[in-house]
Amino acid sequence: MNKLKMSVAVLALAALAGTGLAAPAQAAPAAGTTAATQDAPAAAPAVKRQYHYEVRVKTRYSDKIRITGINQHGNKVTSPWVKSPNDWTLVNDWWWKGKQSIVIQGVRNATGKWYKMSCYLPEYQDSNQFSCDGWNSL
């Protein structure tokens, strides 16, 4: 019986909707607001952000390094050689997409010996720089 009463009520409201009597008129906007702000749609769902990083590399043997990976534009690129005279070297102005493994190559000038390692960049991080510790391999 309850379902029957509910169905009748829904049908009655539907019939009234066609006459414009189904809902009361909207109240006037509050002072200092407009109707547009009251009727604003809900905010769009948050979009996941993709981070990009500059990379700092820790080296022991290499006098210069370069990085190969996917950049912020989605292209596979290799940075130019960067001198690495200190323990930590920042490869400036080269941005690498997160959630990937980059390849870092190094060369020792005196011997010409090449070194190589990979480093995984996380998808998200608080900083826009990521450190790859190549102390035992570069």
Foldseek 3Di string as FASTA:
>chain_A
DVVVVVVVVVVVLVVVVVVVNNDDDDDADDPPDHPCVVPPDDDDDDDDDFAKAWEKEFEDQFQWKKKWAQFPVRDTDIQDIDGDPDRIDTPPPTIHTAQDKMKMKGAHVVVRDIWIDIDHGHRDDPDRYYYDYCHPTD
